[in-house]
Amino acid sequence: MYFFKSQRVDPNAAYVYTPGNTPQDMSAGFHNCAIELNKDSVKWYIDDWLTRTLPKVDGVPFPSGASRARMGVWDGSQTSGWAGTVDWSRGPYTAEMQWFKFTPYC
């Protein structure tokens, strides 16, 4: 998803597929993630595999340039089961990044 003027924009809510559409434990190692913002779409990649595209749609807010990039851990417990269920009693949970690079080109 993306945010526009502090409002979440997610007109085609869907989960992100794992690379190759192969079920796998994504927490087992590090992955290269990329977000590409173009004038007519936002694209997400994991390990150079295009996982999702949100096209620009008339009447739906769309970013004209990237101002901030943020990473976080998302709790998918309320996703009808496809993202798993978080057992909060086993926390705290953390996420690790080896590096982060931001290259604006729009």
PDB file of N, CA and C in Angstrom:
ATOM      1  N   MET A   1       0.838  -1.164   0.000  1.00  0.00           N
ATOM      2  CA  MET A   1       0.000   0.000   0.000  1.00  0.00           C
ATOM      3  C   MET A   1       0.882   1.225   0.000  1.00  0.00           C
ATOM      4  N   TYR A   2       0.299   2.365  -0.209  1.00  0.00           N
ATOM      5  CA  TYR A   2       1.015   3.617  -0.056  1.00  0.00           C
ATOM      6  C   TYR A   2       0.098   4.625   0.634  1.00  0.00           C
ATOM      7  N   PHE A   3       0.695   5.687   1.093  1.00  0.00           N
ATOM      8  CA  PHE A   3      -0.040   6.741   1.783  1.00  0.00           C
ATOM      9  C   PHE A   3       0.065   8.021   0.978  1.00  0.00           C
ATOM     10  N   PHE A   4      -1.028   8.760   0.887  1.00  0.00           N
ATOM     11  CA  PHE A   4      -1.079  10.035   0.193  1.00  0.00           C
ATOM     12  C   PHE A   4      -1.712  11.052   1.128  1.00  0.00           C
ATOM     13  N   LYS A   5      -0.943  12.068   1.502  1.00  0.00           N
ATOM     14  CA  LYS A   5      -1.398  13.086   2.458  1.00  0.00           C
ATOM     15  C   LYS A   5      -1.921  12.432   3.734  1.00  0.00           C
ATOM     16  N   SER A   6      -1.148  11.491   4.246  1.00  0.00           N
ATOM     17  CA  SER A   6      -1.411  10.774   5.501  1.00  0.00           C
ATOM     18  C   SER A   6      -2.604   9.829   5.436  1.00  0.00           C
ATOM     19  N   GLN A   7      -3.156   9.572   4.268  1.00  0.00           N
ATOM     20  CA  GLN A   7      -4.268   8.650   4.121  1.00  0.00           C
ATOM     21  C   GLN A   7      -3.803   7.403   3.376  1.00  0.00           C
ATOM     22  N   ARG A   8      -4.170   6.241   3.915  1.00  0.00           N
ATOM     23  CA  ARG A   8      -3.806   4.976   3.278  1.00  0.00           C
ATOM     24  C   ARG A   8      -4.561   4.833   1.963  1.00  0.00           C
ATOM     25  N   VAL A   9      -3.856   4.469   0.907  1.00  0.00           N
ATOM     26  CA  VAL A   9      -4.464   4.239  -0.401  1.00  0.00           C
ATOM     27  C   VAL A   9      -4.189   2.789  -0.772  1.00  0.00           C
ATOM     28  N   ASP A  10      -5.238   2.021  -0.907  1.00  0.00           N
ATOM     29  CA  ASP A  10      -5.086   0.605  -1.228  1.00  0.00           C
ATOM     30  C   ASP A  10      -6.330   0.149  -1.989  1.00  0.00           C
ATOM     31  N   PRO A  11      -6.525   0.655  -3.231  1.00  0.00           N
ATOM     32  CA  PRO A  11      -7.771   0.356  -3.948  1.00  0.00           C
ATOM     33  C   PRO A  11      -7.943  -1.108  -4.324  1.00  0.00           C
ATOM     34  N   ASN A  12      -6.858  -1.857  -4.396  1.00  0.00           N
ATOM     35  CA  ASN A  12      -6.926  -3.273  -4.782  1.00  0.00           C
ATOM     36  C   ASN A  12      -6.300  -4.131  -3.701  1.00  0.00           C
ATOM     37  N   ALA A  13      -6.830  -4.055  -2.495  1.00  0.00           N
ATOM     38  CA  ALA A  13      -6.236  -4.777  -1.363  1.00  0.00           C
ATOM     39  C   ALA A  13      -6.038  -6.245  -1.721  1.00  0.00           C
ATOM     40  N   ALA A  14      -4.820  -6.689  -1.536  1.00  0.00           N
ATOM     41  CA  ALA A  14      -4.477  -8.080  -1.832  1.00  0.00           C
ATOM     42  C   ALA A  14      -3.176  -8.398  -1.123  1.00  0.00           C
ATOM     43  N   TYR A  15      -2.925  -9.658  -0.915  1.00  0.00           N
ATOM     44  CA  TYR A  15      -1.658 -10.013  -0.295  1.00  0.00           C
ATOM     45  C   TYR A  15      -0.563 -10.068  -1.347  1.00  0.00           C
ATOM     46  N   VAL A  16       0.659  -9.989  -0.914  1.00  0.00           N
ATOM     47  CA  VAL A  16       1.812 -10.026  -1.812  1.00  0.00           C
ATOM     48  C   VAL A  16       2.296 -11.464  -1.923  1.00  0.00           C
ATOM     49  N   TYR A  17       2.514 -11.904  -3.128  1.00  0.00           N
ATOM     50  CA  TYR A  17       2.997 -13.257  -3.353  1.00  0.00           C
ATOM     51  C   TYR A  17       4.481 -13.355  -3.044  1.00  0.00           C
ATOM     52  N   THR A  18       4.913 -14.527  -2.651  1.00  0.00           N
ATOM     53  CA  THR A  18       6.342 -14.767  -2.447  1.00  0.00           C
ATOM     54  C   THR A  18       6.989 -14.988  -3.808  1.00  0.00           C
ATOM     55  N   PRO A  19       8.297 -14.778  -3.916  1.00  0.00           N
ATOM     56  CA  PRO A  19       8.971 -14.950  -5.203  1.00  0.00           C
ATOM     57  C   PRO A  19       8.668 -16.299  -5.845  1.00  0.00           C
ATOM     58  N   GLY A  20       8.295 -16.256  -7.100  1.00  0.00           N
ATOM     59  CA  GLY A  20       7.973 -17.475  -7.835  1.00  0.00           C
ATOM     60  C   GLY A  20       6.647 -18.091  -7.432  1.00  0.00           C
ATOM     61  N   ASN A  21       5.846 -17.390  -6.623  1.00  0.00           N
ATOM     62  CA  ASN A  21       4.578 -17.929  -6.094  1.00  0.00           C
ATOM     63  C   ASN A  21       4.798 -19.219  -5.330  1.00  0.00           C
ATOM     64  N   THR A  22       5.986 -19.383  -4.767  1.00  0.00           N
ATOM     65  CA  THR A  22       6.337 -20.580  -4.026  1.00  0.00           C
ATOM     66  C   THR A  22       6.200 -20.314  -2.536  1.00  0.00           C
ATOM     67  N   PRO A  23       5.313 -21.013  -1.821  1.00  0.00           N
ATOM     68  CA  PRO A  23       5.206 -20.798  -0.375  1.00  0.00           C
ATOM     69  C   PRO A  23       6.559 -21.015   0.291  1.00  0.00           C
ATOM     70  N   GLN A  24       6.953 -20.080   1.146  1.00  0.00           N
ATOM     71  CA  GLN A  24       8.250 -20.183   1.814  1.00  0.00           C
ATOM     72  C   GLN A  24       8.259 -19.344   3.073  1.00  0.00           C
ATOM     73  N   ASP A  25       9.160 -19.678   3.955  1.00  0.00           N
ATOM     74  CA  ASP A  25       9.335 -18.922   5.188  1.00  0.00           C
ATOM     75  C   ASP A  25      10.205 -17.716   4.866  1.00  0.00           C
ATOM     76  N   MET A  26       9.594 -16.564   4.695  1.00  0.00           N
ATOM     77  CA  MET A  26      10.336 -15.363   4.314  1.00  0.00           C
ATOM     78  C   MET A  26      11.206 -14.837   5.449  1.00  0.00           C
ATOM     79  N   SER A  27      11.008 -15.363   6.653  1.00  0.00           N
ATOM     80  CA  SER A  27      11.828 -14.928   7.778  1.00  0.00           C
ATOM     81  C   SER A  27      13.118 -15.746   7.901  1.00  0.00           C
ATOM     82  N   ALA A  28      13.308 -16.727   7.039  1.00  0.00           N
ATOM     83  CA  ALA A  28      14.472 -17.607   7.134  1.00  0.00           C
ATOM     84  C   ALA A  28      15.771 -16.941   6.675  1.00  0.00           C
ATOM     85  N   GLY A  29      15.678 -15.822   5.995  1.00  0.00           N
ATOM     86  CA  GLY A  29      16.877 -15.133   5.524  1.00  0.00           C
ATOM     87  C   GLY A  29      16.547 -13.737   5.045  1.00  0.00           C
ATOM     88  N   PHE A  30      17.572 -13.024   4.600  1.00  0.00           N
ATOM     89  CA  PHE A  30      17.372 -11.669   4.099  1.00  0.00           C
ATOM     90  C   PHE A  30      16.900 -11.723   2.652  1.00  0.00           C
ATOM     91  N   HIS A  31      16.137 -10.695   2.250  1.00  0.00           N
ATOM     92  CA  HIS A  31      15.624 -10.583   0.889  1.00  0.00           C
ATOM     93  C   HIS A  31      15.826  -9.165   0.395  1.00  0.00           C
ATOM     94  N   ASN A  32      15.982  -9.024  -0.911  1.00  0.00           N
ATOM     95  CA  ASN A  32      16.052  -7.703  -1.524  1.00  0.00           C
ATOM     96  C   ASN A  32      14.636  -7.260  -1.860  1.00  0.00           C
ATOM     97  N   CYS A  33      14.241  -6.127  -1.317  1.00  0.00           N
ATOM     98  CA  CYS A  33      12.913  -5.577  -1.568  1.00  0.00           C
ATOM     99  C   CYS A  33      13.073  -4.239  -2.269  1.00  0.00           C
ATOM    100  N   ALA A  34      12.193  -3.953  -3.222  1.00  0.00           N
ATOM    101  CA  ALA A  34      12.265  -2.697  -3.953  1.00  0.00           C
ATOM    102  C   ALA A  34      10.861  -2.174  -4.199  1.00  0.00           C
ATOM    103  N   ILE A  35      10.753  -0.857  -4.204  1.00  0.00           N
ATOM    104  CA  ILE A  35       9.508  -0.183  -4.554  1.00  0.00           C
ATOM    105  C   ILE A  35       9.844   0.764  -5.692  1.00  0.00           C
ATOM    106  N   GLU A  36       9.092   0.663  -6.765  1.00  0.00           N
ATOM    107  CA  GLU A  36       9.319   1.510  -7.931  1.00  0.00           C
ATOM    108  C   GLU A  36       8.099   2.393  -8.146  1.00  0.00           C
ATOM    109  N   LEU A  37       8.303   3.699  -8.046  1.00  0.00           N
ATOM    110  CA  LEU A  37       7.221   4.660  -8.252  1.00  0.00           C
ATOM    111  C   LEU A  37       7.408   5.297  -9.620  1.00  0.00           C
ATOM    112  N   ASN A  38       6.463   5.049 -10.509  1.00  0.00           N
ATOM    113  CA  ASN A  38       6.457   5.638 -11.845  1.00  0.00           C
ATOM    114  C   ASN A  38       5.292   6.602 -11.953  1.00  0.00           C
ATOM    115  N   LYS A  39       5.186   7.324 -13.054  1.00  0.00           N
ATOM    116  CA  LYS A  39       4.104   8.294 -13.209  1.00  0.00           C
ATOM    117  C   LYS A  39       2.731   7.635 -13.298  1.00  0.00           C
ATOM    118  N   ASP A  40       2.675   6.338 -13.623  1.00  0.00           N
ATOM    119  CA  ASP A  40       1.383   5.678 -13.780  1.00  0.00           C
ATOM    120  C   ASP A  40       1.189   4.413 -12.956  1.00  0.00           C
ATOM    121  N   SER A  41       2.158   4.092 -12.065  1.00  0.00           N
ATOM    122  CA  SER A  41       1.992   2.898 -11.227  1.00  0.00           C
ATOM    123  C   SER A  41       3.007   2.877 -10.090  1.00  0.00           C
ATOM    124  N   VAL A  42       2.706   2.046  -9.094  1.00  0.00           N
ATOM    125  CA  VAL A  42       3.647   1.723  -8.031  1.00  0.00           C
ATOM    126  C   VAL A  42       3.852   0.216  -8.120  1.00  0.00           C
ATOM    127  N   LYS A  43       5.133  -0.218  -8.113  1.00  0.00           N
ATOM    128  CA  LYS A  43       5.444  -1.638  -8.231  1.00  0.00           C
ATOM    129  C   LYS A  43       6.297  -2.064  -7.045  1.00  0.00           C
ATOM    130  N   TRP A  44       6.036  -3.260  -6.537  1.00  0.00           N
ATOM    131  CA  TRP A  44       6.797  -3.834  -5.432  1.00  0.00           C
ATOM    132  C   TRP A  44       7.503  -5.094  -5.925  1.00  0.00           C
ATOM    133  N   TYR A  45       8.752  -5.253  -5.524  1.00  0.00           N
ATOM    134  CA  TYR A  45       9.566  -6.399  -5.912  1.00  0.00           C
ATOM    135  C   TYR A  45      10.159  -7.056  -4.670  1.00  0.00           C
ATOM    136  N   ILE A  46      10.297  -8.370  -4.711  1.00  0.00           N
ATOM    137  CA  ILE A  46      11.051  -9.118  -3.704  1.00  0.00           C
ATOM    138  C   ILE A  46      12.031  -9.990  -4.476  1.00  0.00           C
ATOM    139  N   ASP A  47      13.309  -9.839  -4.165  1.00  0.00           N
ATOM    140  CA  ASP A  47      14.368 -10.596  -4.852  1.00  0.00           C
ATOM    141  C   ASP A  47      14.239 -10.499  -6.374  1.00  0.00           C
ATOM    142  N   ASP A  48      14.031  -9.282  -6.880  1.00  0.00           N
ATOM    143  CA  ASP A  48      13.909  -8.980  -8.312  1.00  0.00           C
ATOM    144  C   ASP A  48      12.673  -9.585  -8.967  1.00  0.00           C
ATOM    145  N   TRP A  49      11.744 -10.081  -8.179  1.00  0.00           N
ATOM    146  CA  TRP A  49      10.512 -10.658  -8.718  1.00  0.00           C
ATOM    147  C   TRP A  49       9.374  -9.683  -8.454  1.00  0.00           C
ATOM    148  N   LEU A  50       8.660  -9.249  -9.499  1.00  0.00           N
ATOM    149  CA  LEU A  50       7.539  -8.323  -9.352  1.00  0.00           C
ATOM    150  C   LEU A  50       6.408  -9.018  -8.611  1.00  0.00           C
ATOM    151  N   THR A  51       6.101  -8.511  -7.413  1.00  0.00           N
ATOM    152  CA  THR A  51       5.081  -9.154  -6.592  1.00  0.00           C
ATOM    153  C   THR A  51       3.728  -8.460  -6.665  1.00  0.00           C
ATOM    154  N   ARG A  52       3.732  -7.166  -6.997  1.00  0.00           N
ATOM    155  CA  ARG A  52       2.464  -6.440  -7.009  1.00  0.00           C
ATOM    156  C   ARG A  52       2.611  -5.145  -7.786  1.00  0.00           C
ATOM    157  N   THR A  53       1.563  -4.756  -8.495  1.00  0.00           N
ATOM    158  CA  THR A  53       1.517  -3.479  -9.199  1.00  0.00           C
ATOM    159  C   THR A  53       0.190  -2.805  -8.881  1.00  0.00           C
ATOM    160  N   LEU A  54       0.240  -1.542  -8.480  1.00  0.00           N
ATOM    161  CA  LEU A  54      -0.967  -0.737  -8.311  1.00  0.00           C
ATOM    162  C   LEU A  54      -0.922   0.353  -9.369  1.00  0.00           C
ATOM    163  N   PRO A  55      -1.831   0.303 -10.354  1.00  0.00           N
ATOM    164  CA  PRO A  55      -1.830   1.327 -11.388  1.00  0.00           C
ATOM    165  C   PRO A  55      -2.508   2.610 -10.904  1.00  0.00           C
ATOM    166  N   LYS A  56      -2.128   3.711 -11.510  1.00  0.00           N
ATOM    167  CA  LYS A  56      -2.790   4.983 -11.242  1.00  0.00           C
ATOM    168  C   LYS A  56      -4.213   4.883 -11.774  1.00  0.00           C
ATOM    169  N   VAL A  57      -5.195   5.279 -10.945  1.00  0.00           N
ATOM    170  CA  VAL A  57      -6.601   5.191 -11.310  1.00  0.00           C
ATOM    171  C   VAL A  57      -7.221   6.582 -11.157  1.00  0.00           C
ATOM    172  N   ASP A  58      -7.970   7.018 -12.160  1.00  0.00           N
ATOM    173  CA  ASP A  58      -8.634   8.324 -12.078  1.00  0.00           C
ATOM    174  C   ASP A  58      -9.507   8.396 -10.833  1.00  0.00           C
ATOM    175  N   GLY A  59      -9.397   9.500 -10.096  1.00  0.00           N
ATOM    176  CA  GLY A  59     -10.204   9.710  -8.902  1.00  0.00           C
ATOM    177  C   GLY A  59      -9.610   9.153  -7.629  1.00  0.00           C
ATOM    178  N   VAL A  60      -8.514   8.390  -7.733  1.00  0.00           N
ATOM    179  CA  VAL A  60      -7.846   7.816  -6.565  1.00  0.00           C
ATOM    180  C   VAL A  60      -6.536   8.580  -6.362  1.00  0.00           C
ATOM    181  N   PRO A  61      -6.288   9.106  -5.145  1.00  0.00           N
ATOM    182  CA  PRO A  61      -5.039   9.850  -4.917  1.00  0.00           C
ATOM    183  C   PRO A  61      -3.817   9.023  -5.298  1.00  0.00           C
ATOM    184  N   PHE A  62      -2.849   9.687  -5.935  1.00  0.00           N
ATOM    185  CA  PHE A  62      -1.649   9.010  -6.388  1.00  0.00           C
ATOM    186  C   PHE A  62      -0.450   9.920  -6.149  1.00  0.00           C
ATOM    187  N   PRO A  63       0.644   9.378  -5.613  1.00  0.00           N
ATOM    188  CA  PRO A  63       1.813  10.233  -5.339  1.00  0.00           C
ATOM    189  C   PRO A  63       2.473  10.718  -6.630  1.00  0.00           C
ATOM    190  N   SER A  64       2.887  11.969  -6.630  1.00  0.00           N
ATOM    191  CA  SER A  64       3.575  12.517  -7.798  1.00  0.00           C
ATOM    192  C   SER A  64       5.083  12.481  -7.595  1.00  0.00           C
ATOM    193  N   GLY A  65       5.513  12.131  -6.400  1.00  0.00           N
ATOM    194  CA  GLY A  65       6.933  12.014  -6.092  1.00  0.00           C
ATOM    195  C   GLY A  65       7.085  11.388  -4.724  1.00  0.00           C
ATOM    196  N   ALA A  66       8.187  10.732  -4.513  1.00  0.00           N
ATOM    197  CA  ALA A  66       8.417  10.074  -3.224  1.00  0.00           C
ATOM    198  C   ALA A  66       9.025  11.080  -2.259  1.00  0.00           C
ATOM    199  N   SER A  67       8.444  11.186  -1.082  1.00  0.00           N
ATOM    200  CA  SER A  67       8.990  12.109  -0.092  1.00  0.00           C
ATOM    201  C   SER A  67       9.608  11.375   1.091  1.00  0.00           C
ATOM    202  N   ARG A  68       9.116  10.170   1.384  1.00  0.00           N
ATOM    203  CA  ARG A  68       9.631   9.373   2.491  1.00  0.00           C
ATOM    204  C   ARG A  68       9.451   7.898   2.190  1.00  0.00           C
ATOM    205  N   ALA A  69      10.356   7.125   2.684  1.00  0.00           N
ATOM    206  CA  ALA A  69      10.215   5.667   2.599  1.00  0.00           C
ATOM    207  C   ALA A  69      10.309   5.124   4.016  1.00  0.00           C
ATOM    208  N   ARG A  70       9.400   4.252   4.372  1.00  0.00           N
ATOM    209  CA  ARG A  70       9.392   3.658   5.709  1.00  0.00           C
ATOM    210  C   ARG A  70       9.219   2.158   5.587  1.00  0.00           C
ATOM    211  N   MET A  71       9.868   1.454   6.473  1.00  0.00           N
ATOM    212  CA  MET A  71       9.752  -0.002   6.521  1.00  0.00           C
ATOM    213  C   MET A  71       9.179  -0.376   7.874  1.00  0.00           C
ATOM    214  N   GLY A  72       8.435  -1.456   7.940  1.00  0.00           N
ATOM    215  CA  GLY A  72       7.866  -1.871   9.204  1.00  0.00           C
ATOM    216  C   GLY A  72       7.447  -3.331   9.182  1.00  0.00           C
ATOM    217  N   VAL A  73       7.074  -3.805  10.332  1.00  0.00           N
ATOM    218  CA  VAL A  73       6.564  -5.165  10.485  1.00  0.00           C
ATOM    219  C   VAL A  73       5.050  -5.070  10.530  1.00  0.00           C
ATOM    220  N   TRP A  74       4.380  -5.846   9.707  1.00  0.00           N
ATOM    221  CA  TRP A  74       2.934  -5.789   9.593  1.00  0.00           C
ATOM    222  C   TRP A  74       2.325  -7.027  10.239  1.00  0.00           C
ATOM    223  N   ASP A  75       1.306  -6.820  11.041  1.00  0.00           N
ATOM    224  CA  ASP A  75       0.570  -7.913  11.675  1.00  0.00           C
ATOM    225  C   ASP A  75      -0.566  -8.336  10.749  1.00  0.00           C
ATOM    226  N   GLY A  76      -0.441  -9.506  10.161  1.00  0.00           N
ATOM    227  CA  GLY A  76      -1.449  -9.990   9.230  1.00  0.00           C
ATOM    228  C   GLY A  76      -2.492 -10.886   9.872  1.00  0.00           C
ATOM    229  N   SER A  77      -2.689 -10.776  11.183  1.00  0.00           N
ATOM    230  CA  SER A  77      -3.603 -11.678  11.888  1.00  0.00           C
ATOM    231  C   SER A  77      -5.045 -11.568  11.416  1.00  0.00           C
ATOM    232  N   GLN A  78      -5.443 -10.424  10.891  1.00  0.00           N
ATOM    233  CA  GLN A  78      -6.843 -10.237  10.495  1.00  0.00           C
ATOM    234  C   GLN A  78      -7.027 -10.376   8.986  1.00  0.00           C
ATOM    235  N   THR A  79      -6.351 -11.324   8.386  1.00  0.00           N
ATOM    236  CA  THR A  79      -6.377 -11.511   6.935  1.00  0.00           C
ATOM    237  C   THR A  79      -7.032 -12.827   6.532  1.00  0.00           C
ATOM    238  N   SER A  80      -7.952 -13.292   7.294  1.00  0.00           N
ATOM    239  CA  SER A  80      -8.650 -14.550   7.005  1.00  0.00           C
ATOM    240  C   SER A  80      -7.710 -15.747   6.950  1.00  0.00           C
ATOM    241  N   GLY A  81      -6.561 -15.639   7.612  1.00  0.00           N
ATOM    242  CA  GLY A  81      -5.691 -16.785   7.753  1.00  0.00           C
ATOM    243  C   GLY A  81      -4.541 -16.907   6.779  1.00  0.00           C
ATOM    244  N   TRP A  82      -4.586 -16.240   5.603  1.00  0.00           N
ATOM    245  CA  TRP A  82      -3.532 -16.458   4.618  1.00  0.00           C
ATOM    246  C   TRP A  82      -2.179 -15.936   5.082  1.00  0.00           C
ATOM    247  N   ALA A  83      -2.152 -14.935   5.968  1.00  0.00           N
ATOM    248  CA  ALA A  83      -0.873 -14.388   6.425  1.00  0.00           C
ATOM    249  C   ALA A  83      -0.442 -14.981   7.763  1.00  0.00           C
ATOM    250  N   GLY A  84      -1.190 -15.933   8.260  1.00  0.00           N
ATOM    251  CA  GLY A  84      -0.845 -16.531   9.555  1.00  0.00           C
ATOM    252  C   GLY A  84      -1.438 -15.731  10.703  1.00  0.00           C
ATOM    253  N   THR A  85      -1.218 -16.188  11.898  1.00  0.00           N
ATOM    254  CA  THR A  85      -1.723 -15.528  13.093  1.00  0.00           C
ATOM    255  C   THR A  85      -0.557 -15.280  14.032  1.00  0.00           C
ATOM    256  N   VAL A  86      -0.491 -14.071  14.547  1.00  0.00           N
ATOM    257  CA  VAL A  86       0.595 -13.705  15.452  1.00  0.00           C
ATOM    258  C   VAL A  86       0.281 -14.197  16.856  1.00  0.00           C
ATOM    259  N   ASP A  87       1.216 -14.883  17.469  1.00  0.00           N
ATOM    260  CA  ASP A  87       1.103 -15.284  18.869  1.00  0.00           C
ATOM    261  C   ASP A  87       1.865 -14.245  19.681  1.00  0.00           C
ATOM    262  N   TRP A  88       1.141 -13.229  20.145  1.00  0.00           N
ATOM    263  CA  TRP A  88       1.767 -12.103  20.836  1.00  0.00           C
ATOM    264  C   TRP A  88       2.435 -12.515  22.138  1.00  0.00           C
ATOM    265  N   SER A  89       2.075 -13.660  22.705  1.00  0.00           N
ATOM    266  CA  SER A  89       2.699 -14.103  23.960  1.00  0.00           C
ATOM    267  C   SER A  89       4.152 -14.525  23.742  1.00  0.00           C
ATOM    268  N   ARG A  90       4.575 -14.729  22.481  1.00  0.00           N
ATOM    269  CA  ARG A  90       5.944 -15.150  22.188  1.00  0.00           C
ATOM    270  C   ARG A  90       6.845 -13.983  21.800  1.00  0.00           C
ATOM    271  N   GLY A  91       6.318 -12.761  21.845  1.00  0.00           N
ATOM    272  CA  GLY A  91       7.088 -11.569  21.447  1.00  0.00           C
ATOM    273  C   GLY A  91       8.104 -11.188  22.491  1.00  0.00           C
ATOM    274  N   PRO A  92       8.835 -10.123  22.344  1.00  0.00           N
ATOM    275  CA  PRO A  92       8.630  -9.123  21.289  1.00  0.00           C
ATOM    276  C   PRO A  92       9.181  -9.589  19.952  1.00  0.00           C
ATOM    277  N   TYR A  93       8.637  -9.014  18.886  1.00  0.00           N
ATOM    278  CA  TYR A  93       9.061  -9.343  17.542  1.00  0.00           C
ATOM    279  C   TYR A  93       9.884  -8.196  16.968  1.00  0.00           C
ATOM    280  N   THR A  94      10.835  -8.531  16.140  1.00  0.00           N
ATOM    281  CA  THR A  94      11.692  -7.517  15.534  1.00  0.00           C
ATOM    282  C   THR A  94      11.870  -7.809  14.049  1.00  0.00           C
ATOM    283  N   ALA A  95      12.328  -6.807  13.351  1.00  0.00           N
ATOM    284  CA  ALA A  95      12.703  -6.963  11.945  1.00  0.00           C
ATOM    285  C   ALA A  95      14.111  -6.413  11.798  1.00  0.00           C
ATOM    286  N   GLU A  96      14.874  -7.000  10.908  1.00  0.00           N
ATOM    287  CA  GLU A  96      16.246  -6.545  10.693  1.00  0.00           C
ATOM    288  C   GLU A  96      16.452  -6.203   9.228  1.00  0.00           C
ATOM    289  N   MET A  97      17.224  -5.152   8.987  1.00  0.00           N
ATOM    290  CA  MET A  97      17.625  -4.778   7.642  1.00  0.00           C
ATOM    291  C   MET A  97      19.137  -4.717   7.595  1.00  0.00           C
ATOM    292  N   GLN A  98      19.711  -5.291   6.556  1.00  0.00           N
ATOM    293  CA  GLN A  98      21.152  -5.184   6.385  1.00  0.00           C
ATOM    294  C   GLN A  98      21.513  -3.828   5.801  1.00  0.00           C
ATOM    295  N   TRP A  99      20.693  -3.311   4.886  1.00  0.00           N
ATOM    296  CA  TRP A  99      20.928  -2.001   4.309  1.00  0.00           C
ATOM    297  C   TRP A  99      19.639  -1.491   3.687  1.00  0.00           C
ATOM    298  N   PHE A 100      19.622  -0.196   3.439  1.00  0.00           N
ATOM    299  CA  PHE A 100      18.460   0.453   2.828  1.00  0.00           C
ATOM    300  C   PHE A 100      18.981   1.521   1.891  1.00  0.00           C
ATOM    301  N   LYS A 101      18.520   1.530   0.667  1.00  0.00           N
ATOM    302  CA  LYS A 101      18.935   2.531  -0.302  1.00  0.00           C
ATOM    303  C   LYS A 101      17.694   3.177  -0.904  1.00  0.00           C
ATOM    304  N   PHE A 102      17.683   4.494  -0.966  1.00  0.00           N
ATOM    305  CA  PHE A 102      16.568   5.249  -1.515  1.00  0.00           C
ATOM    306  C   PHE A 102      17.097   6.061  -2.684  1.00  0.00           C
ATOM    307  N   THR A 103      16.568   5.803  -3.884  1.00  0.00           N
ATOM    308  CA  THR A 103      16.996   6.527  -5.070  1.00  0.00           C
ATOM    309  C   THR A 103      15.768   7.138  -5.734  1.00  0.00           C
ATOM    310  N   PRO A 104      15.500   8.415  -5.476  1.00  0.00           N
ATOM    311  CA  PRO A 104      14.331   9.046  -6.123  1.00  0.00           C
ATOM    312  C   PRO A 104      14.624   9.339  -7.597  1.00  0.00           C
ATOM    313  N   TYR A 105      13.709   8.978  -8.466  1.00  0.00           N
ATOM    314  CA  TYR A 105      13.879   9.303  -9.880  1.00  0.00           C
ATOM    315  C   TYR A 105      12.590   9.778 -10.515  1.00  0.00           C
ATOM    316  N   CYS A 106      11.684  10.278  -9.677  1.00  0.00           N
ATOM    317  CA  CYS A 106      10.469  10.873 -10.237  1.00  0.00           C
ATOM    318  C   CYS A 106      10.144  12.141  -9.494  1.00  0.00           C
TER     319      CYS A 106
END
